[in-house]
Amino acid sequence: VFLFNTENKLLLQQRSNAKITFPDCFTN
């Protein structure tokens, strides 16, 4: 999912270090 606000900015997240695959990685 790529979620944009009404200012056309994209919401990114950094995955928790608890995640089993790709922890700490920034992503959509």
PDB file of all heavy atoms in Angstrom:
ATOM      1  N   VAL A   1       0.841  -1.199   0.000  1.00  0.00           N
ATOM      2  CA  VAL A   1       0.000   0.000   0.000  1.00  0.00           C
ATOM      3  C   VAL A   1       0.875   1.247   0.000  1.00  0.00           C
ATOM      4  O   VAL A   1       1.854   1.336   0.754  1.00  0.00           O
ATOM      5  CB  VAL A   1      -0.931   0.033   1.218  1.00  0.00           C
ATOM      6  CG1 VAL A   1      -1.774   1.315   1.225  1.00  0.00           C
ATOM      7  CG2 VAL A   1      -1.836  -1.200   1.245  1.00  0.00           C
ATOM      8  N   PHE A   2       0.500   2.210  -0.834  1.00  0.00           N
ATOM      9  CA  PHE A   2       1.120   3.531  -0.863  1.00  0.00           C
ATOM     10  C   PHE A   2       0.023   4.538  -0.544  1.00  0.00           C
ATOM     11  O   PHE A   2      -0.854   4.789  -1.367  1.00  0.00           O
ATOM     12  CB  PHE A   2       1.739   3.817  -2.231  1.00  0.00           C
ATOM     13  CG  PHE A   2       2.909   2.925  -2.560  1.00  0.00           C
ATOM     14  CD1 PHE A   2       2.707   1.610  -2.960  1.00  0.00           C
ATOM     15  CD2 PHE A   2       4.206   3.393  -2.451  1.00  0.00           C
ATOM     16  CE1 PHE A   2       3.779   0.780  -3.250  1.00  0.00           C
ATOM     17  CE2 PHE A   2       5.294   2.563  -2.737  1.00  0.00           C
ATOM     18  CZ  PHE A   2       5.075   1.262  -3.142  1.00  0.00           C
ATOM     19  N   LEU A   3       0.068   5.088   0.666  1.00  0.00           N
ATOM     20  CA  LEU A   3      -0.959   6.022   1.111  1.00  0.00           C
ATOM     21  C   LEU A   3      -0.396   7.444   1.090  1.00  0.00           C
ATOM     22  O   LEU A   3       0.649   7.715   1.688  1.00  0.00           O
ATOM     23  CB  LEU A   3      -1.442   5.662   2.513  1.00  0.00           C
ATOM     24  CG  LEU A   3      -2.611   6.483   3.060  1.00  0.00           C
ATOM     25  CD1 LEU A   3      -3.489   5.620   3.977  1.00  0.00           C
ATOM     26  CD2 LEU A   3      -2.141   7.731   3.831  1.00  0.00           C
ATOM     27  N   PHE A   4      -1.096   8.331   0.398  1.00  0.00           N
ATOM     28  CA  PHE A   4      -0.723   9.735   0.279  1.00  0.00           C
ATOM     29  C   PHE A   4      -1.766  10.583   1.009  1.00  0.00           C
ATOM     30  O   PHE A   4      -2.962  10.282   0.975  1.00  0.00           O
ATOM     31  CB  PHE A   4      -0.671  10.165  -1.185  1.00  0.00           C
ATOM     32  CG  PHE A   4       0.319   9.396  -2.022  1.00  0.00           C
ATOM     33  CD1 PHE A   4      -0.011   8.138  -2.538  1.00  0.00           C
ATOM     34  CD2 PHE A   4       1.573   9.906  -2.291  1.00  0.00           C
ATOM     35  CE1 PHE A   4       0.896   7.427  -3.310  1.00  0.00           C
ATOM     36  CE2 PHE A   4       2.482   9.201  -3.061  1.00  0.00           C
ATOM     37  CZ  PHE A   4       2.144   7.955  -3.565  1.00  0.00           C
ATOM     38  N   ASN A   5      -1.315  11.678   1.628  1.00  0.00           N
ATOM     39  CA  ASN A   5      -2.277  12.610   2.203  1.00  0.00           C
ATOM     40  C   ASN A   5      -2.700  13.629   1.144  1.00  0.00           C
ATOM     41  O   ASN A   5      -2.255  13.564  -0.016  1.00  0.00           O
ATOM     42  CB  ASN A   5      -1.722  13.272   3.469  1.00  0.00           C
ATOM     43  CG  ASN A   5      -0.489  14.132   3.202  1.00  0.00           C
ATOM     44  OD1 ASN A   5      -0.181  14.481   2.061  1.00  0.00           O
ATOM     45  ND2 ASN A   5       0.225  14.483   4.266  1.00  0.00           N
ATOM     46  N   THR A   6      -3.545  14.558   1.519  1.00  0.00           N
ATOM     47  CA  THR A   6      -4.058  15.528   0.545  1.00  0.00           C
ATOM     48  C   THR A   6      -3.019  16.576   0.164  1.00  0.00           C
ATOM     49  O   THR A   6      -3.262  17.392  -0.729  1.00  0.00           O
ATOM     50  CB  THR A   6      -5.325  16.216   1.083  1.00  0.00           C
ATOM     51  OG1 THR A   6      -5.063  16.759   2.383  1.00  0.00           O
ATOM     52  CG2 THR A   6      -6.472  15.219   1.167  1.00  0.00           C
ATOM     53  N   GLU A   7      -1.853  16.558   0.815  1.00  0.00           N
ATOM     54  CA  GLU A   7      -0.732  17.403   0.404  1.00  0.00           C
ATOM     55  C   GLU A   7       0.198  16.653  -0.557  1.00  0.00           C
ATOM     56  O   GLU A   7       1.284  17.129  -0.879  1.00  0.00           O
ATOM     57  CB  GLU A   7       0.067  17.862   1.631  1.00  0.00           C
ATOM     58  CG  GLU A   7      -0.733  18.739   2.589  1.00  0.00           C
ATOM     59  CD  GLU A   7       0.081  19.136   3.808  1.00  0.00           C
ATOM     60  OE1 GLU A   7       1.159  18.528   4.043  1.00  0.00           O
ATOM     61  OE2 GLU A   7      -0.342  20.056   4.516  1.00  0.00           O
ATOM     62  N   ASN A   8      -0.237  15.480  -1.001  1.00  0.00           N
ATOM     63  CA  ASN A   8       0.536  14.637  -1.932  1.00  0.00           C
ATOM     64  C   ASN A   8       1.827  14.106  -1.318  1.00  0.00           C
ATOM     65  O   ASN A   8       2.777  13.778  -2.039  1.00  0.00           O
ATOM     66  CB  ASN A   8       0.852  15.376  -3.241  1.00  0.00           C
ATOM     67  CG  ASN A   8      -0.385  15.589  -4.094  1.00  0.00           C
ATOM     68  OD1 ASN A   8      -1.400  14.935  -3.898  1.00  0.00           O
ATOM     69  ND2 ASN A   8      -0.295  16.512  -5.033  1.00  0.00           N
ATOM     70  N   LYS A   9       1.862  13.989   0.002  1.00  0.00           N
ATOM     71  CA  LYS A   9       3.004  13.387   0.680  1.00  0.00           C
ATOM     72  C   LYS A   9       2.721  11.913   0.929  1.00  0.00           C
ATOM     73  O   LYS A   9       1.593  11.525   1.249  1.00  0.00           O
ATOM     74  CB  LYS A   9       3.300  14.099   2.003  1.00  0.00           C
ATOM     75  CG  LYS A   9       3.797  15.531   1.833  1.00  0.00           C
ATOM     76  CD  LYS A   9       4.123  16.151   3.184  1.00  0.00           C
ATOM     77  CE  LYS A   9       4.671  17.566   3.021  1.00  0.00           C
ATOM     78  NZ  LYS A   9       5.001  18.171   4.338  1.00  0.00           N
ATOM     79  N   LEU A  10       3.760  11.100   0.790  1.00  0.00           N
ATOM     80  CA  LEU A  10       3.651   9.651   0.937  1.00  0.00           C
ATOM     81  C   LEU A  10       3.989   9.249   2.372  1.00  0.00           C
ATOM     82  O   LEU A  10       5.007   9.668   2.924  1.00  0.00           O
ATOM     83  CB  LEU A  10       4.605   8.960  -0.032  1.00  0.00           C
ATOM     84  CG  LEU A  10       4.779   7.445   0.105  1.00  0.00           C
ATOM     85  CD1 LEU A  10       3.466   6.712  -0.141  1.00  0.00           C
ATOM     86  CD2 LEU A  10       5.867   6.954  -0.862  1.00  0.00           C
ATOM     87  N   LEU A  11       3.156   8.408   2.965  1.00  0.00           N
ATOM     88  CA  LEU A  11       3.413   7.900   4.299  1.00  0.00           C
ATOM     89  C   LEU A  11       4.362   6.703   4.224  1.00  0.00           C
ATOM     90  O   LEU A  11       4.058   5.686   3.600  1.00  0.00           O
ATOM     91  CB  LEU A  11       2.104   7.470   4.967  1.00  0.00           C
ATOM     92  CG  LEU A  11       2.223   6.885   6.381  1.00  0.00           C
ATOM     93  CD1 LEU A  11       2.851   7.878   7.349  1.00  0.00           C
ATOM     94  CD2 LEU A  11       0.855   6.427   6.881  1.00  0.00           C
ATOM     95  N   LEU A  12       5.535   6.847   4.850  1.00  0.00           N
ATOM     96  CA  LEU A  12       6.503   5.761   4.956  1.00  0.00           C
ATOM     97  C   LEU A  12       6.529   5.239   6.391  1.00  0.00           C
ATOM     98  O   LEU A  12       6.153   5.947   7.325  1.00  0.00           O
ATOM     99  CB  LEU A  12       7.910   6.238   4.589  1.00  0.00           C
ATOM    100  CG  LEU A  12       8.147   6.786   3.188  1.00  0.00           C
ATOM    101  CD1 LEU A  12       9.627   7.077   3.000  1.00  0.00           C
ATOM    102  CD2 LEU A  12       7.644   5.830   2.121  1.00  0.00           C
ATOM    103  N   GLN A  13       7.010   4.019   6.539  1.00  0.00           N
ATOM    104  CA  GLN A  13       7.243   3.474   7.861  1.00  0.00           C
ATOM    105  C   GLN A  13       8.626   2.827   7.908  1.00  0.00           C
ATOM    106  O   GLN A  13       9.188   2.440   6.883  1.00  0.00           O
ATOM    107  CB  GLN A  13       6.187   2.429   8.232  1.00  0.00           C
ATOM    108  CG  GLN A  13       6.175   1.193   7.344  1.00  0.00           C
ATOM    109  CD  GLN A  13       5.537  -0.021   8.014  1.00  0.00           C
ATOM    110  OE1 GLN A  13       6.165  -0.655   8.871  1.00  0.00           O
ATOM    111  NE2 GLN A  13       4.315  -0.343   7.612  1.00  0.00           N
ATOM    112  N   GLN A  14       9.153   2.738   9.121  1.00  0.00           N
ATOM    113  CA  GLN A  14      10.344   1.933   9.371  1.00  0.00           C
ATOM    114  C   GLN A  14       9.888   0.716  10.153  1.00  0.00           C
ATOM    115  O   GLN A  14       9.277   0.834  11.224  1.00  0.00           O
ATOM    116  CB  GLN A  14      11.391   2.702  10.165  1.00  0.00           C
ATOM    117  CG  GLN A  14      12.673   1.909  10.397  1.00  0.00           C
ATOM    118  CD  GLN A  14      13.670   2.639  11.287  1.00  0.00           C
ATOM    119  OE1 GLN A  14      13.314   3.594  11.971  1.00  0.00           O
ATOM    120  NE2 GLN A  14      14.909   2.193  11.285  1.00  0.00           N
ATOM    121  N   ARG A  15      10.173  -0.463   9.612  1.00  0.00           N
ATOM    122  CA  ARG A  15       9.721  -1.686  10.241  1.00  0.00           C
ATOM    123  C   ARG A  15      10.378  -1.872  11.614  1.00  0.00           C
ATOM    124  O   ARG A  15      11.553  -1.546  11.803  1.00  0.00           O
ATOM    125  CB  ARG A  15      10.031  -2.881   9.336  1.00  0.00           C
ATOM    126  CG  ARG A  15       9.188  -2.886   8.075  1.00  0.00           C
ATOM    127  CD  ARG A  15       9.760  -3.784   7.001  1.00  0.00           C
ATOM    128  NE  ARG A  15       9.714  -5.207   7.334  1.00  0.00           N
ATOM    129  CZ  ARG A  15       8.686  -6.000   7.097  1.00  0.00           C
ATOM    130  NH1 ARG A  15       7.578  -5.509   6.546  1.00  0.00           N
ATOM    131  NH2 ARG A  15       8.749  -7.293   7.396  1.00  0.00           N
ATOM    132  N   SER A  16       9.611  -2.405  12.543  1.00  0.00           N
ATOM    133  CA  SER A  16      10.122  -2.650  13.881  1.00  0.00           C
ATOM    134  C   SER A  16      11.289  -3.631  13.851  1.00  0.00           C
ATOM    135  O   SER A  16      11.387  -4.486  12.962  1.00  0.00           O
ATOM    136  CB  SER A  16       8.985  -3.220  14.739  1.00  0.00           C
ATOM    137  OG  SER A  16       9.473  -3.823  15.907  1.00  0.00           O
ATOM    138  N   ASN A  17      12.147  -3.535  14.855  1.00  0.00           N
ATOM    139  CA  ASN A  17      13.223  -4.515  14.953  1.00  0.00           C
ATOM    140  C   ASN A  17      12.721  -5.860  15.456  1.00  0.00           C
ATOM    141  O   ASN A  17      13.488  -6.821  15.535  1.00  0.00           O
ATOM    142  CB  ASN A  17      14.371  -3.998  15.832  1.00  0.00           C
ATOM    143  CG  ASN A  17      13.923  -3.656  17.241  1.00  0.00           C
ATOM    144  OD1 ASN A  17      12.823  -4.010  17.672  1.00  0.00           O
ATOM    145  ND2 ASN A  17      14.770  -2.947  17.971  1.00  0.00           N
ATOM    146  N   ALA A  18      11.425  -5.943  15.762  1.00  0.00           N
ATOM    147  CA  ALA A  18      10.813  -7.229  16.115  1.00  0.00           C
ATOM    148  C   ALA A  18      10.416  -8.035  14.887  1.00  0.00           C
ATOM    149  O   ALA A  18      10.164  -9.233  14.997  1.00  0.00           O
ATOM    150  CB  ALA A  18       9.576  -6.999  16.987  1.00  0.00           C
ATOM    151  N   LYS A  19      10.355  -7.385  13.723  1.00  0.00           N
ATOM    152  CA  LYS A  19       9.920  -8.073  12.513  1.00  0.00           C
ATOM    153  C   LYS A  19      10.892  -9.197  12.156  1.00  0.00           C
ATOM    154  O   LYS A  19      12.108  -9.052  12.289  1.00  0.00           O
ATOM    155  CB  LYS A  19       9.800  -7.097  11.345  1.00  0.00           C
ATOM    156  CG  LYS A  19       8.785  -5.981  11.561  1.00  0.00           C
ATOM    157  CD  LYS A  19       7.359  -6.480  11.580  1.00  0.00           C
ATOM    158  CE  LYS A  19       6.834  -6.723  10.205  1.00  0.00           C
ATOM    159  NZ  LYS A  19       5.383  -7.066  10.219  1.00  0.00           N
ATOM    160  N   ILE A  20      10.355 -10.289  11.666  1.00  0.00           N
ATOM    161  CA  ILE A  20      11.188 -11.448  11.361  1.00  0.00           C
ATOM    162  C   ILE A  20      11.901 -11.278  10.026  1.00  0.00           C
ATOM    163  O   ILE A  20      13.058 -11.666   9.873  1.00  0.00           O
ATOM    164  CB  ILE A  20      10.329 -12.729  11.396  1.00  0.00           C
ATOM    165  CG1 ILE A  20       9.847 -12.965  12.834  1.00  0.00           C
ATOM    166  CG2 ILE A  20      11.119 -13.936  10.882  1.00  0.00           C
ATOM    167  CD1 ILE A  20       8.820 -14.056  12.982  1.00  0.00           C
ATOM    168  N   THR A  21      11.219 -10.691   9.048  1.00  0.00           N
ATOM    169  CA  THR A  21      11.881 -10.382   7.778  1.00  0.00           C
ATOM    170  C   THR A  21      12.095  -8.873   7.665  1.00  0.00           C
ATOM    171  O   THR A  21      11.218  -8.085   7.983  1.00  0.00           O
ATOM    172  CB  THR A  21      11.058 -10.874   6.569  1.00  0.00           C
ATOM    173  OG1 THR A  21       9.760 -10.253   6.588  1.00  0.00           O
ATOM    174  CG2 THR A  21      10.885 -12.381   6.595  1.00  0.00           C
ATOM    175  N   PHE A  22      13.280  -8.510   7.249  1.00  0.00           N
ATOM    176  CA  PHE A  22      13.675  -7.129   6.984  1.00  0.00           C
ATOM    177  C   PHE A  22      13.373  -6.179   8.148  1.00  0.00           C
ATOM    178  O   PHE A  22      12.757  -5.136   7.963  1.00  0.00           O
ATOM    179  CB  PHE A  22      13.030  -6.641   5.683  1.00  0.00           C
ATOM    180  CG  PHE A  22      13.404  -7.500   4.505  1.00  0.00           C
ATOM    181  CD1 PHE A  22      12.528  -8.472   4.025  1.00  0.00           C
ATOM    182  CD2 PHE A  22      14.641  -7.380   3.894  1.00  0.00           C
ATOM    183  CE1 PHE A  22      12.879  -9.295   2.959  1.00  0.00           C
ATOM    184  CE2 PHE A  22      15.006  -8.201   2.832  1.00  0.00           C
ATOM    185  CZ  PHE A  22      14.121  -9.162   2.363  1.00  0.00           C
ATOM    186  N   PRO A  23      13.830  -6.532   9.372  1.00  0.00           N
ATOM    187  CA  PRO A  23      13.653  -5.617  10.500  1.00  0.00           C
ATOM    188  C   PRO A  23      14.441  -4.334  10.288  1.00  0.00           C
ATOM    189  O   PRO A  23      15.460  -4.321   9.602  1.00  0.00           O
ATOM    190  CB  PRO A  23      14.215  -6.419  11.681  1.00  0.00           C
ATOM    191  CG  PRO A  23      15.206  -7.352  11.052  1.00  0.00           C
ATOM    192  CD  PRO A  23      14.616  -7.727   9.725  1.00  0.00           C
ATOM    193  N   ASP A  24      13.930  -3.242  10.854  1.00  0.00           N
ATOM    194  CA  ASP A  24      14.578  -1.919  10.833  1.00  0.00           C
ATOM    195  C   ASP A  24      14.586  -1.258   9.455  1.00  0.00           C
ATOM    196  O   ASP A  24      15.112  -0.148   9.314  1.00  0.00           O
ATOM    197  CB  ASP A  24      16.027  -2.004  11.347  1.00  0.00           C
ATOM    198  CG  ASP A  24      16.116  -2.488  12.779  1.00  0.00           C
ATOM    199  OD1 ASP A  24      15.331  -2.014  13.614  1.00  0.00           O
ATOM    200  OD2 ASP A  24      16.978  -3.349  13.071  1.00  0.00           O
ATOM    201  N   CYS A  25      14.050  -1.910   8.454  1.00  0.00           N
ATOM    202  CA  CYS A  25      14.093  -1.344   7.102  1.00  0.00           C
ATOM    203  C   CYS A  25      12.987  -0.309   6.899  1.00  0.00           C
ATOM    204  O   CYS A  25      11.855  -0.485   7.361  1.00  0.00           O
ATOM    205  CB  CYS A  25      13.939  -2.442   6.050  1.00  0.00           C
ATOM    206  SG  CYS A  25      15.364  -3.532   5.904  1.00  0.00           S
ATOM    207  N   PHE A  26      13.302   0.742   6.158  1.00  0.00           N
ATOM    208  CA  PHE A  26      12.299   1.713   5.738  1.00  0.00           C
ATOM    209  C   PHE A  26      11.553   1.153   4.533  1.00  0.00           C
ATOM    210  O   PHE A  26      12.135   0.472   3.678  1.00  0.00           O
ATOM    211  CB  PHE A  26      12.956   3.052   5.391  1.00  0.00           C
ATOM    212  CG  PHE A  26      13.547   3.749   6.587  1.00  0.00           C
ATOM    213  CD1 PHE A  26      14.855   3.512   6.978  1.00  0.00           C
ATOM    214  CD2 PHE A  26      12.784   4.627   7.334  1.00  0.00           C
ATOM    215  CE1 PHE A  26      15.406   4.138   8.089  1.00  0.00           C
ATOM    216  CE2 PHE A  26      13.312   5.268   8.449  1.00  0.00           C
ATOM    217  CZ  PHE A  26      14.625   5.019   8.826  1.00  0.00           C
ATOM    218  N   THR A  27      10.261   1.473   4.460  1.00  0.00           N
ATOM    219  CA  THR A  27       9.458   0.912   3.380  1.00  0.00           C
ATOM    220  C   THR A  27       8.210   1.758   3.155  1.00  0.00           C
ATOM    221  O   THR A  27       8.014   2.777   3.822  1.00  0.00           O
ATOM    222  CB  THR A  27       9.097  -0.558   3.699  1.00  0.00           C
ATOM    223  OG1 THR A  27       8.598  -1.198   2.531  1.00  0.00           O
ATOM    224  CG2 THR A  27       8.074  -0.657   4.827  1.00  0.00           C
ATOM    225  N   ASN A  28       7.386   1.325   2.212  1.00  0.00           N
ATOM    226  CA  ASN A  28       6.149   2.048   1.916  1.00  0.00           C
ATOM    227  C   ASN A  28       5.152   1.898   3.064  1.00  0.00           C
ATOM    228  O   ASN A  28       5.432   1.266   4.075  1.00  0.00           O
ATOM    229  CB  ASN A  28       5.554   1.571   0.595  1.00  0.00           C
ATOM    230  CG  ASN A  28       5.437   0.062   0.515  1.00  0.00           C
ATOM    231  OD1 ASN A  28       6.444  -0.638   0.397  1.00  0.00           O
ATOM    232  ND2 ASN A  28       4.213  -0.440   0.609  1.00  0.00           N
TER     233      ASN A  28
END
